[in-house]
N, C-alpha and C. Protein backbone atom coordinates (compact mmCIF):
# COMPACT_ATOMS: atom_id res chain seq x y z
N MET A 1 99.89 137.71 54.88
CA MET A 1 98.44 137.73 55.12
C MET A 1 97.69 137.79 53.82
N MET A 2 98.11 138.68 52.94
CA MET A 2 97.46 138.79 51.66
C MET A 2 97.68 137.52 50.85
N ARG A 3 98.91 137.02 51.04
CA ARG A 3 99.19 135.78 50.33
C ARG A 3 98.26 134.67 50.78
N GLN A 4 98.04 134.59 52.08
CA GLN A 4 97.14 133.54 52.62
C GLN A 4 95.74 133.74 52.09
N LEU A 5 95.28 135.03 52.05
CA LEU A 5 93.93 135.28 51.55
C LEU A 5 93.81 134.89 50.09
N ARG A 6 94.83 135.26 49.36
CA ARG A 6 94.81 134.91 47.94
C ARG A 6 94.83 133.39 47.76
N HIS A 7 95.69 132.81 48.56
CA HIS A 7 95.78 131.34 48.46
C HIS A 7 94.46 130.69 48.82
N GLY A 8 93.79 131.18 49.84
CA GLY A 8 92.51 130.65 50.24
C GLY A 8 91.46 130.87 49.21
N LEU A 9 91.42 132.07 48.63
CA LEU A 9 90.45 132.35 47.59
C LEU A 9 90.68 131.45 46.38
N LYS A 10 91.98 131.23 46.14
CA LYS A 10 92.31 130.38 45.00
C LYS A 10 91.73 128.97 45.20
N PHE A 11 91.91 128.46 46.42
CA PHE A 11 91.39 127.11 46.70
C PHE A 11 89.87 127.08 46.75
N GLN A 12 89.27 128.20 47.13
CA GLN A 12 87.80 128.25 47.14
C GLN A 12 87.25 128.34 45.73
N LEU A 13 87.94 128.96 44.77
CA LEU A 13 87.47 129.10 43.41
C LEU A 13 87.61 127.78 42.64
N ILE A 14 88.66 127.03 42.93
CA ILE A 14 88.90 125.78 42.20
C ILE A 14 87.75 124.80 42.39
N PRO A 15 87.28 124.56 43.66
CA PRO A 15 86.16 123.63 43.79
C PRO A 15 84.93 124.09 43.06
N LYS A 16 84.64 125.39 42.99
CA LYS A 16 83.48 125.86 42.26
C LYS A 16 83.63 125.59 40.79
N VAL A 17 84.83 125.84 40.27
CA VAL A 17 85.06 125.53 38.85
C VAL A 17 84.90 124.05 38.62
N ASP A 18 85.50 123.27 39.53
CA ASP A 18 85.39 121.81 39.39
C ASP A 18 83.94 121.37 39.46
N ALA A 19 83.17 121.97 40.34
CA ALA A 19 81.75 121.59 40.47
C ALA A 19 81.01 121.92 39.21
N ALA A 20 81.34 123.13 38.61
CA ALA A 20 80.67 123.50 37.37
C ALA A 20 81.04 122.50 36.28
N VAL A 21 82.36 122.20 36.22
CA VAL A 21 82.81 121.23 35.21
C VAL A 21 82.12 119.89 35.43
N LEU A 22 82.07 119.48 36.70
CA LEU A 22 81.43 118.18 37.02
C LEU A 22 79.96 118.22 36.67
N ASN A 23 79.33 119.39 36.91
CA ASN A 23 77.90 119.47 36.57
C ASN A 23 77.70 119.34 35.08
N GLU A 24 78.59 120.03 34.31
CA GLU A 24 78.49 119.90 32.86
C GLU A 24 78.75 118.47 32.41
N VAL A 25 79.82 117.92 33.01
CA VAL A 25 80.12 116.52 32.67
C VAL A 25 78.93 115.62 33.04
N SER A 26 78.33 115.87 34.21
CA SER A 26 77.19 115.08 34.65
C SER A 26 76.02 115.27 33.71
N ALA A 27 75.84 116.59 33.25
CA ALA A 27 74.75 116.85 32.32
C ALA A 27 75.01 116.12 31.02
N ASP A 28 76.26 116.19 30.57
CA ASP A 28 76.61 115.45 29.35
C ASP A 28 76.39 113.95 29.53
N ALA A 29 76.83 113.49 30.73
CA ALA A 29 76.67 112.05 30.99
C ALA A 29 75.20 111.67 31.03
N ARG A 30 74.38 112.58 31.65
CA ARG A 30 72.95 112.28 31.69
C ARG A 30 72.37 112.32 30.29
N SER A 31 72.84 113.29 29.50
CA SER A 31 72.36 113.38 28.13
C SER A 31 72.75 112.12 27.36
N GLU A 32 74.03 111.73 27.53
CA GLU A 32 74.47 110.50 26.87
C GLU A 32 73.69 109.29 27.40
N ALA A 33 73.44 109.35 28.73
CA ALA A 33 72.68 108.24 29.31
C ALA A 33 71.28 108.19 28.74
N SER A 34 70.67 109.38 28.55
CA SER A 34 69.32 109.38 27.98
C SER A 34 69.37 108.90 26.54
N VAL A 35 70.47 109.35 25.84
CA VAL A 35 70.64 108.85 24.46
C VAL A 35 70.80 107.34 24.48
N ASP A 36 71.67 106.87 25.39
CA ASP A 36 71.88 105.41 25.48
C ASP A 36 70.57 104.70 25.82
N THR A 37 69.79 105.35 26.72
CA THR A 37 68.51 104.74 27.10
C THR A 37 67.59 104.67 25.90
N GLU A 38 67.55 105.77 25.12
CA GLU A 38 66.72 105.76 23.92
C GLU A 38 67.20 104.67 22.96
N VAL A 39 68.53 104.62 22.81
CA VAL A 39 69.08 103.59 21.92
C VAL A 39 68.70 102.20 22.42
N LEU A 40 68.87 102.05 23.73
CA LEU A 40 68.53 100.75 24.31
C LEU A 40 67.04 100.45 24.14
N ASN A 41 66.23 101.51 24.30
CA ASN A 41 64.80 101.30 24.12
C ASN A 41 64.48 100.92 22.69
N GLU A 42 65.16 101.60 21.76
CA GLU A 42 64.96 101.26 20.36
C GLU A 42 65.44 99.83 20.09
N VAL A 43 66.64 99.56 20.64
CA VAL A 43 67.17 98.19 20.47
C VAL A 43 66.21 97.19 21.09
N SER A 44 65.71 97.51 22.29
CA SER A 44 64.77 96.61 22.97
C SER A 44 63.50 96.45 22.16
N ALA A 45 63.03 97.57 21.58
CA ALA A 45 61.84 97.49 20.73
C ALA A 45 62.11 96.60 19.53
N ASP A 46 63.30 96.85 18.93
CA ASP A 46 63.67 96.00 17.79
C ASP A 46 63.76 94.54 18.21
N ALA A 47 64.37 94.33 19.41
CA ALA A 47 64.50 92.95 19.89
C ALA A 47 63.11 92.34 20.12
N ARG A 48 62.20 93.19 20.68
CA ARG A 48 60.85 92.67 20.90
C ARG A 48 60.17 92.37 19.58
N VAL A 49 60.42 93.25 18.61
CA VAL A 49 59.86 92.98 17.27
C VAL A 49 60.43 91.69 16.73
N ASP A 50 61.80 91.55 16.89
CA ASP A 50 62.42 90.32 16.42
C ASP A 50 61.83 89.12 17.17
N ASP A 51 61.68 89.27 18.49
CA ASP A 51 61.11 88.17 19.27
C ASP A 51 59.71 87.84 18.81
N SER A 52 58.92 88.90 18.53
CA SER A 52 57.56 88.63 18.07
C SER A 52 57.59 87.93 16.72
N VAL A 53 58.57 88.38 15.88
CA VAL A 53 58.71 87.71 14.58
C VAL A 53 59.11 86.25 14.80
N ASP A 54 60.14 86.08 15.67
CA ASP A 54 60.57 84.71 15.97
C ASP A 54 59.42 83.89 16.55
N ALA A 55 58.64 84.54 17.44
CA ALA A 55 57.50 83.82 18.03
C ALA A 55 56.49 83.44 16.96
N ALA A 56 56.26 84.39 16.05
CA ALA A 56 55.32 84.09 14.96
C ALA A 56 55.85 82.94 14.11
N VAL A 57 57.17 83.05 13.81
CA VAL A 57 57.79 81.95 13.03
C VAL A 57 57.67 80.64 13.79
N LEU A 58 58.00 80.70 15.08
CA LEU A 58 57.93 79.49 15.88
C LEU A 58 56.50 78.95 15.95
N ASN A 59 55.56 79.89 16.04
CA ASN A 59 54.16 79.46 16.07
C ASN A 59 53.77 78.78 14.76
N GLU A 60 54.26 79.39 13.66
CA GLU A 60 53.98 78.77 12.36
C GLU A 60 54.65 77.39 12.28
N VAL A 61 55.92 77.35 12.71
CA VAL A 61 56.62 76.07 12.71
C VAL A 61 55.89 75.07 13.59
N SER A 62 55.46 75.56 14.79
CA SER A 62 54.73 74.67 15.70
C SER A 62 53.43 74.21 15.08
N ALA A 63 52.76 75.13 14.40
CA ALA A 63 51.52 74.74 13.74
C ALA A 63 51.80 73.71 12.65
N ASP A 64 52.89 73.95 11.89
CA ASP A 64 53.26 72.96 10.86
C ASP A 64 53.59 71.62 11.49
N ALA A 65 54.35 71.70 12.63
CA ALA A 65 54.71 70.45 13.32
C ALA A 65 53.48 69.72 13.82
N ARG A 66 52.54 70.54 14.39
CA ARG A 66 51.30 69.89 14.85
C ARG A 66 50.53 69.30 13.68
N SER A 67 50.54 70.03 12.57
CA SER A 67 49.84 69.52 11.38
C SER A 67 50.49 68.22 10.93
N GLU A 68 51.86 68.25 10.88
CA GLU A 68 52.57 67.03 10.50
C GLU A 68 52.31 65.92 11.51
N ALA A 69 52.29 66.29 12.79
CA ALA A 69 52.02 65.28 13.83
C ALA A 69 50.64 64.70 13.66
N SER A 70 49.66 65.57 13.32
CA SER A 70 48.31 65.05 13.11
C SER A 70 48.27 64.14 11.89
N VAL A 71 49.05 64.54 10.85
CA VAL A 71 49.14 63.67 9.66
C VAL A 71 49.77 62.34 10.05
N ASP A 72 50.89 62.42 10.83
CA ASP A 72 51.54 61.19 11.28
C ASP A 72 50.57 60.35 12.12
N THR A 73 49.80 61.03 12.96
CA THR A 73 48.84 60.30 13.80
C THR A 73 47.79 59.63 12.92
N ASP A 74 47.33 60.36 11.89
CA ASP A 74 46.36 59.76 10.97
C ASP A 74 46.95 58.54 10.29
N VAL A 75 48.22 58.70 9.84
CA VAL A 75 48.89 57.57 9.18
C VAL A 75 49.03 56.41 10.14
N LEU A 76 49.46 56.73 11.38
CA LEU A 76 49.60 55.66 12.38
C LEU A 76 48.26 55.01 12.68
N ASN A 77 47.23 55.83 12.75
CA ASN A 77 45.90 55.26 13.01
C ASN A 77 45.47 54.33 11.88
N GLU A 78 45.77 54.77 10.65
CA GLU A 78 45.44 53.90 9.51
C GLU A 78 46.26 52.61 9.57
N VAL A 79 47.58 52.77 9.86
CA VAL A 79 48.43 51.59 9.99
C VAL A 79 47.92 50.69 11.11
N SER A 80 47.55 51.30 12.25
CA SER A 80 47.04 50.52 13.38
C SER A 80 45.75 49.82 13.00
N ALA A 81 44.90 50.55 12.24
CA ALA A 81 43.65 49.93 11.80
C ALA A 81 43.94 48.75 10.87
N ASP A 82 44.91 48.94 9.97
CA ASP A 82 45.30 47.85 9.07
C ASP A 82 45.85 46.68 9.87
N ALA A 83 46.71 47.02 10.88
CA ALA A 83 47.29 45.95 11.70
C ALA A 83 46.20 45.21 12.46
N ARG A 84 45.24 45.97 13.02
CA ARG A 84 44.14 45.30 13.74
C ARG A 84 43.33 44.44 12.79
N SER A 85 43.13 44.95 11.55
CA SER A 85 42.39 44.17 10.57
C SER A 85 43.13 42.88 10.24
N GLU A 86 44.48 43.03 10.03
CA GLU A 86 45.28 41.83 9.76
C GLU A 86 45.26 40.89 10.96
N ALA A 87 45.34 41.47 12.17
CA ALA A 87 45.31 40.64 13.37
C ALA A 87 43.98 39.91 13.49
N SER A 88 42.89 40.61 13.14
CA SER A 88 41.59 39.94 13.21
C SER A 88 41.51 38.82 12.18
N VAL A 89 42.10 39.10 10.98
CA VAL A 89 42.13 38.05 9.94
C VAL A 89 42.94 36.86 10.43
N GLU A 90 44.13 37.15 11.03
CA GLU A 90 44.96 36.07 11.54
C GLU A 90 44.25 35.32 12.67
N THR A 91 43.53 36.08 13.51
CA THR A 91 42.78 35.43 14.59
C THR A 91 41.71 34.51 14.02
N GLU A 92 41.02 34.97 12.97
CA GLU A 92 40.01 34.12 12.33
C GLU A 92 40.64 32.87 11.74
N VAL A 93 41.81 33.07 11.08
CA VAL A 93 42.50 31.91 10.51
C VAL A 93 42.91 30.95 11.61
N LEU A 94 43.46 31.51 12.72
CA LEU A 94 43.86 30.66 13.84
C LEU A 94 42.65 29.96 14.45
N ASN A 95 41.53 30.68 14.51
CA ASN A 95 40.32 30.06 15.06
C ASN A 95 39.87 28.90 14.18
N GLU A 96 39.95 29.12 12.85
CA GLU A 96 39.57 28.04 11.93
C GLU A 96 40.52 26.85 12.08
N VAL A 97 41.83 27.18 12.16
CA VAL A 97 42.82 26.10 12.35
C VAL A 97 42.55 25.38 13.66
N SER A 98 42.27 26.15 14.72
CA SER A 98 41.99 25.55 16.02
C SER A 98 40.74 24.68 15.95
N ALA A 99 39.72 25.17 15.22
CA ALA A 99 38.49 24.37 15.08
C ALA A 99 38.79 23.07 14.33
N ASP A 100 39.62 23.19 13.27
CA ASP A 100 40.01 21.97 12.54
C ASP A 100 40.78 21.02 13.44
N ALA A 101 41.70 21.60 14.23
CA ALA A 101 42.49 20.75 15.14
C ALA A 101 41.58 20.07 16.15
N ARG A 102 40.62 20.83 16.69
CA ARG A 102 39.69 20.22 17.65
C ARG A 102 38.87 19.13 16.97
N SER A 103 38.48 19.39 15.70
CA SER A 103 37.73 18.37 14.96
C SER A 103 38.58 17.12 14.77
N ASP A 104 39.88 17.34 14.39
CA ASP A 104 40.79 16.20 14.25
C ASP A 104 40.94 15.47 15.58
N ASP A 105 41.05 16.24 16.66
CA ASP A 105 41.19 15.61 17.98
C ASP A 105 39.96 14.79 18.32
N SER A 106 38.77 15.31 17.97
CA SER A 106 37.56 14.55 18.29
C SER A 106 37.51 13.27 17.47
N VAL A 107 37.97 13.36 16.19
CA VAL A 107 38.01 12.15 15.35
C VAL A 107 39.00 11.15 15.95
N ASP A 108 40.19 11.67 16.34
CA ASP A 108 41.18 10.79 16.95
C ASP A 108 40.63 10.16 18.23
N THR A 109 39.92 10.95 18.99
CA THR A 109 39.35 10.43 20.24
C THR A 109 38.33 9.34 19.95
N GLU A 110 37.50 9.56 18.91
CA GLU A 110 36.52 8.51 18.55
C GLU A 110 37.23 7.23 18.11
N VAL A 111 38.29 7.42 17.30
CA VAL A 111 39.04 6.24 16.85
C VAL A 111 39.65 5.51 18.05
N LEU A 112 40.23 6.29 18.96
CA LEU A 112 40.83 5.68 20.15
C LEU A 112 39.76 4.99 21.00
N ASN A 113 38.59 5.61 21.08
CA ASN A 113 37.51 4.98 21.86
C ASN A 113 37.09 3.66 21.23
N GLU A 114 37.01 3.65 19.87
CA GLU A 114 36.66 2.40 19.20
C GLU A 114 37.74 1.34 19.42
N VAL A 115 38.99 1.76 19.27
CA VAL A 115 40.09 0.82 19.51
C VAL A 115 40.05 0.31 20.94
N SER A 116 39.79 1.22 21.87
CA SER A 116 39.73 0.83 23.28
C SER A 116 38.58 -0.13 23.51
N ALA A 117 37.45 0.14 22.84
CA ALA A 117 36.30 -0.77 22.99
C ALA A 117 36.65 -2.15 22.42
N ASP A 118 37.33 -2.16 21.26
CA ASP A 118 37.75 -3.45 20.69
C ASP A 118 38.72 -4.16 21.64
N ALA A 119 39.65 -3.39 22.19
CA ALA A 119 40.62 -4.00 23.10
C ALA A 119 39.90 -4.56 24.33
N ARG A 120 38.93 -3.80 24.85
CA ARG A 120 38.20 -4.31 26.02
C ARG A 120 37.42 -5.55 25.65
N SER A 121 36.84 -5.57 24.42
CA SER A 121 36.10 -6.75 23.97
C SER A 121 37.03 -7.95 23.86
N GLU A 122 38.22 -7.72 23.27
CA GLU A 122 39.19 -8.81 23.17
C GLU A 122 39.64 -9.27 24.55
N ALA A 123 39.82 -8.31 25.43
CA ALA A 123 40.23 -8.67 26.78
C ALA A 123 39.16 -9.49 27.49
N SER A 124 37.88 -9.12 27.25
CA SER A 124 36.80 -9.90 27.88
C SER A 124 36.74 -11.30 27.29
N VAL A 125 37.00 -11.40 25.95
CA VAL A 125 37.03 -12.73 25.32
C VAL A 125 38.17 -13.55 25.91
N GLU A 126 39.35 -12.92 26.03
CA GLU A 126 40.48 -13.65 26.59
C GLU A 126 40.21 -14.04 28.05
N ALA A 127 39.55 -13.17 28.78
CA ALA A 127 39.22 -13.50 30.16
C ALA A 127 38.27 -14.68 30.22
N ALA A 128 37.28 -14.68 29.28
CA ALA A 128 36.34 -15.81 29.25
C ALA A 128 37.08 -17.11 28.91
N VAL A 129 37.99 -17.03 27.92
CA VAL A 129 38.77 -18.23 27.56
C VAL A 129 39.59 -18.69 28.75
N LEU A 130 40.25 -17.72 29.42
CA LEU A 130 41.06 -18.09 30.58
C LEU A 130 40.20 -18.70 31.68
N ASN A 131 39.00 -18.16 31.84
CA ASN A 131 38.11 -18.73 32.87
C ASN A 131 37.73 -20.17 32.53
N GLU A 132 37.45 -20.40 31.22
CA GLU A 132 37.12 -21.78 30.81
C GLU A 132 38.32 -22.71 31.02
N VAL A 133 39.51 -22.22 30.62
CA VAL A 133 40.71 -23.04 30.81
C VAL A 133 40.93 -23.30 32.30
N SER A 134 40.71 -22.28 33.11
CA SER A 134 40.88 -22.46 34.55
C SER A 134 39.88 -23.45 35.10
N ALA A 135 38.64 -23.36 34.59
CA ALA A 135 37.62 -24.32 35.04
C ALA A 135 38.02 -25.73 34.63
N ASP A 136 38.50 -25.87 33.39
CA ASP A 136 38.95 -27.21 32.94
C ASP A 136 40.11 -27.70 33.80
N ALA A 137 41.05 -26.79 34.09
CA ALA A 137 42.19 -27.19 34.90
C ALA A 137 41.74 -27.61 36.30
N ARG A 138 40.78 -26.86 36.85
CA ARG A 138 40.29 -27.23 38.18
C ARG A 138 39.58 -28.59 38.12
N SER A 139 38.83 -28.82 37.00
CA SER A 139 38.15 -30.10 36.86
C SER A 139 39.17 -31.24 36.76
N GLU A 140 40.22 -31.01 35.95
CA GLU A 140 41.26 -32.04 35.83
C GLU A 140 41.96 -32.25 37.17
N ALA A 141 42.18 -31.18 37.89
CA ALA A 141 42.84 -31.30 39.19
C ALA A 141 41.98 -32.11 40.16
N SER A 142 40.65 -31.88 40.09
CA SER A 142 39.78 -32.65 40.99
C SER A 142 39.79 -34.13 40.60
N VAL A 143 39.83 -34.40 39.25
CA VAL A 143 39.92 -35.79 38.81
C VAL A 143 41.22 -36.41 39.29
N ASP A 144 42.32 -35.65 39.13
CA ASP A 144 43.61 -36.15 39.60
C ASP A 144 43.58 -36.41 41.10
N THR A 145 42.93 -35.56 41.84
CA THR A 145 42.85 -35.75 43.29
C THR A 145 42.07 -37.01 43.63
N GLU A 146 40.97 -37.26 42.89
CA GLU A 146 40.20 -38.49 43.13
C GLU A 146 41.03 -39.73 42.82
N VAL A 147 41.76 -39.66 41.69
CA VAL A 147 42.62 -40.80 41.33
C VAL A 147 43.66 -41.02 42.42
N LEU A 148 44.28 -39.94 42.88
CA LEU A 148 45.28 -40.07 43.93
C LEU A 148 44.66 -40.62 45.21
N ASN A 149 43.44 -40.19 45.49
CA ASN A 149 42.79 -40.71 46.70
C ASN A 149 42.53 -42.21 46.58
N GLU A 150 42.08 -42.63 45.36
CA GLU A 150 41.84 -44.06 45.16
C GLU A 150 43.16 -44.84 45.26
N VAL A 151 44.21 -44.34 44.61
CA VAL A 151 45.50 -45.02 44.68
C VAL A 151 45.97 -45.08 46.12
N SER A 152 45.80 -43.98 46.86
CA SER A 152 46.21 -43.95 48.25
C SER A 152 45.44 -44.97 49.08
N ALA A 153 44.17 -45.11 48.77
CA ALA A 153 43.37 -46.10 49.50
C ALA A 153 43.88 -47.51 49.21
N GLU A 154 44.18 -47.77 47.93
CA GLU A 154 44.69 -49.10 47.56
C GLU A 154 46.04 -49.35 48.23
N VAL A 155 46.89 -48.32 48.25
CA VAL A 155 48.20 -48.49 48.90
C VAL A 155 48.02 -48.76 50.37
N ARG A 156 47.11 -48.02 50.99
CA ARG A 156 46.87 -48.26 52.42
C ARG A 156 46.33 -49.68 52.65
N SER A 157 45.48 -50.12 51.74
CA SER A 157 44.94 -51.48 51.86
C SER A 157 46.06 -52.51 51.73
N GLU A 158 46.93 -52.30 50.73
CA GLU A 158 48.05 -53.23 50.55
C GLU A 158 48.97 -53.20 51.76
N ILE A 159 49.20 -52.02 52.31
CA ILE A 159 50.06 -51.91 53.49
C ILE A 159 49.45 -52.66 54.66
N SER A 160 48.14 -52.54 54.82
CA SER A 160 47.49 -53.26 55.94
C SER A 160 47.59 -54.78 55.73
N VAL A 161 47.45 -55.20 54.43
CA VAL A 161 47.60 -56.63 54.14
C VAL A 161 49.02 -57.07 54.47
N ASP A 162 49.99 -56.32 54.02
CA ASP A 162 51.38 -56.67 54.31
C ASP A 162 51.62 -56.71 55.81
N THR A 163 51.02 -55.82 56.54
CA THR A 163 51.20 -55.80 57.99
C THR A 163 50.61 -57.07 58.62
N GLU A 164 49.46 -57.49 58.13
CA GLU A 164 48.86 -58.72 58.65
C GLU A 164 49.74 -59.92 58.35
N VAL A 165 50.27 -59.97 57.12
CA VAL A 165 51.15 -61.08 56.75
C VAL A 165 52.37 -61.08 57.65
N LEU A 166 52.95 -59.91 57.87
CA LEU A 166 54.12 -59.81 58.73
C LEU A 166 53.78 -60.23 60.16
N ASN A 167 52.61 -59.85 60.59
CA ASN A 167 52.20 -60.25 61.94
C ASN A 167 52.09 -61.78 62.06
N GLU A 168 51.49 -62.38 61.00
CA GLU A 168 51.37 -63.86 61.01
C GLU A 168 52.75 -64.51 60.97
N VAL A 169 53.61 -63.99 60.10
CA VAL A 169 54.97 -64.54 60.02
C VAL A 169 55.67 -64.37 61.36
N SER A 170 55.49 -63.25 61.99
CA SER A 170 56.11 -63.01 63.28
C SER A 170 55.57 -63.98 64.33
N ALA A 171 54.30 -64.25 64.27
CA ALA A 171 53.71 -65.22 65.22
C ALA A 171 54.30 -66.60 64.99
N ASP A 172 54.42 -66.97 63.69
CA ASP A 172 55.00 -68.27 63.37
C ASP A 172 56.44 -68.33 63.86
N ALA A 173 57.17 -67.21 63.63
CA ALA A 173 58.57 -67.19 64.06
C ALA A 173 58.66 -67.32 65.56
N ARG A 174 57.77 -66.66 66.26
CA ARG A 174 57.81 -66.78 67.72
C ARG A 174 57.45 -68.21 68.15
N SER A 175 56.51 -68.85 67.43
CA SER A 175 56.14 -70.24 67.74
C SER A 175 57.33 -71.17 67.49
N ASP A 176 58.04 -70.93 66.35
CA ASP A 176 59.23 -71.73 66.05
C ASP A 176 60.29 -71.51 67.13
N ASP A 177 60.42 -70.25 67.54
CA ASP A 177 61.41 -69.95 68.57
C ASP A 177 61.07 -70.68 69.87
N SER A 178 59.81 -70.76 70.20
CA SER A 178 59.42 -71.44 71.46
C SER A 178 59.68 -72.94 71.34
N VAL A 179 59.44 -73.53 70.12
CA VAL A 179 59.73 -74.96 69.92
C VAL A 179 61.22 -75.21 70.05
N GLU A 180 61.99 -74.38 69.40
CA GLU A 180 63.44 -74.54 69.47
C GLU A 180 63.93 -74.38 70.91
N ALA A 181 63.35 -73.47 71.65
CA ALA A 181 63.75 -73.27 73.05
C ALA A 181 63.43 -74.52 73.88
N ALA A 182 62.27 -75.12 73.60
CA ALA A 182 61.91 -76.34 74.34
C ALA A 182 62.88 -77.47 74.01
N VAL A 183 63.23 -77.58 72.69
CA VAL A 183 64.18 -78.61 72.29
C VAL A 183 65.52 -78.35 72.95
N LEU A 184 65.96 -77.11 72.95
CA LEU A 184 67.24 -76.76 73.57
C LEU A 184 67.21 -77.07 75.07
N ASN A 185 66.09 -76.80 75.63
CA ASN A 185 65.99 -77.07 77.07
C ASN A 185 66.13 -78.58 77.34
N GLU A 186 65.46 -79.36 76.50
CA GLU A 186 65.55 -80.84 76.68
C GLU A 186 66.99 -81.30 76.43
N VAL A 187 67.61 -80.78 75.38
CA VAL A 187 69.01 -81.16 75.10
C VAL A 187 69.89 -80.73 76.26
N SER A 188 69.65 -79.59 76.83
CA SER A 188 70.45 -79.12 77.94
C SER A 188 70.25 -80.01 79.15
N ALA A 189 69.03 -80.45 79.33
CA ALA A 189 68.74 -81.35 80.47
C ALA A 189 69.45 -82.68 80.25
N ASP A 190 69.41 -83.17 79.02
CA ASP A 190 70.09 -84.44 78.71
C ASP A 190 71.59 -84.27 78.92
N ALA A 191 72.10 -83.13 78.47
CA ALA A 191 73.55 -82.90 78.63
C ALA A 191 73.89 -82.82 80.10
N ARG A 192 73.07 -82.18 80.86
CA ARG A 192 73.37 -82.10 82.29
C ARG A 192 73.29 -83.50 82.92
N SER A 193 72.33 -84.29 82.46
CA SER A 193 72.19 -85.68 82.98
C SER A 193 73.42 -86.49 82.61
N ASP A 194 73.88 -86.32 81.33
CA ASP A 194 75.10 -87.02 80.92
C ASP A 194 76.28 -86.55 81.75
N ASP A 195 76.35 -85.26 82.03
CA ASP A 195 77.46 -84.74 82.83
C ASP A 195 77.41 -85.33 84.25
N SER A 196 76.21 -85.44 84.76
CA SER A 196 76.11 -85.99 86.12
C SER A 196 76.53 -87.48 86.12
N VAL A 197 76.19 -88.22 85.01
CA VAL A 197 76.59 -89.63 84.90
C VAL A 197 78.11 -89.70 84.80
N ASP A 198 78.68 -88.85 83.95
CA ASP A 198 80.13 -88.85 83.81
C ASP A 198 80.80 -88.48 85.13
N THR A 199 80.24 -87.57 85.84
CA THR A 199 80.81 -87.15 87.13
C THR A 199 80.79 -88.32 88.10
N GLU A 200 79.68 -89.10 88.10
CA GLU A 200 79.58 -90.25 89.02
C GLU A 200 80.63 -91.28 88.63
N VAL A 201 80.81 -91.53 87.30
CA VAL A 201 81.80 -92.52 86.84
C VAL A 201 83.19 -92.07 87.26
N LEU A 202 83.48 -90.81 87.08
CA LEU A 202 84.80 -90.29 87.46
C LEU A 202 85.00 -90.41 88.96
N ASN A 203 83.94 -90.15 89.68
CA ASN A 203 84.06 -90.25 91.13
C ASN A 203 84.37 -91.70 91.54
N GLU A 204 83.68 -92.62 90.88
CA GLU A 204 83.90 -94.03 91.21
C GLU A 204 85.32 -94.42 90.85
N VAL A 205 85.75 -94.02 89.66
CA VAL A 205 87.12 -94.36 89.24
C VAL A 205 88.10 -93.75 90.20
N SER A 206 87.86 -92.57 90.64
CA SER A 206 88.77 -91.90 91.55
C SER A 206 88.80 -92.62 92.89
N ALA A 207 87.66 -93.11 93.34
CA ALA A 207 87.61 -93.80 94.61
C ALA A 207 88.35 -95.13 94.47
């Protein structure tokens, strides 16, 4: 029984000691934690100071960069202005060249118009010559037609004369034919008469 009481008291005392030890350890840990927090706060402050320094440096660098960018922009603007000036000069030169080309084209057009007018004039002269030649040819053709008509009339006249001569010759031939037919008829009658005489003589001889 006493042993159990002692044993129980022993176990009851140990947790109290442990709790005290744990409290001290916890106090130490809290103290260390507060120290760590202070250190961290100092470190954080230092970091913020460093960040502010870095930010200031960055701001200075950014300001320098912006300054350089503005300088570059000024340079580019000057270059662009020079380029525009050169472009305007080139445009003026091109405009002058274009004006000269248009002037040359107008001269060429005038020359071509004059040549065309000369060609049209020559063409009208040739047309007039051709018209005269055509008129002469038509006149000669009409003369040739009249000559042919006269020759044709003479040929027709000669043909009609030849036809009349042939008609007369044909009439004479028919008249000759009728005379010959009459002579033949008489000869045939005489021959028949002679035949009848011969027939009578033969008949008598036969009798």
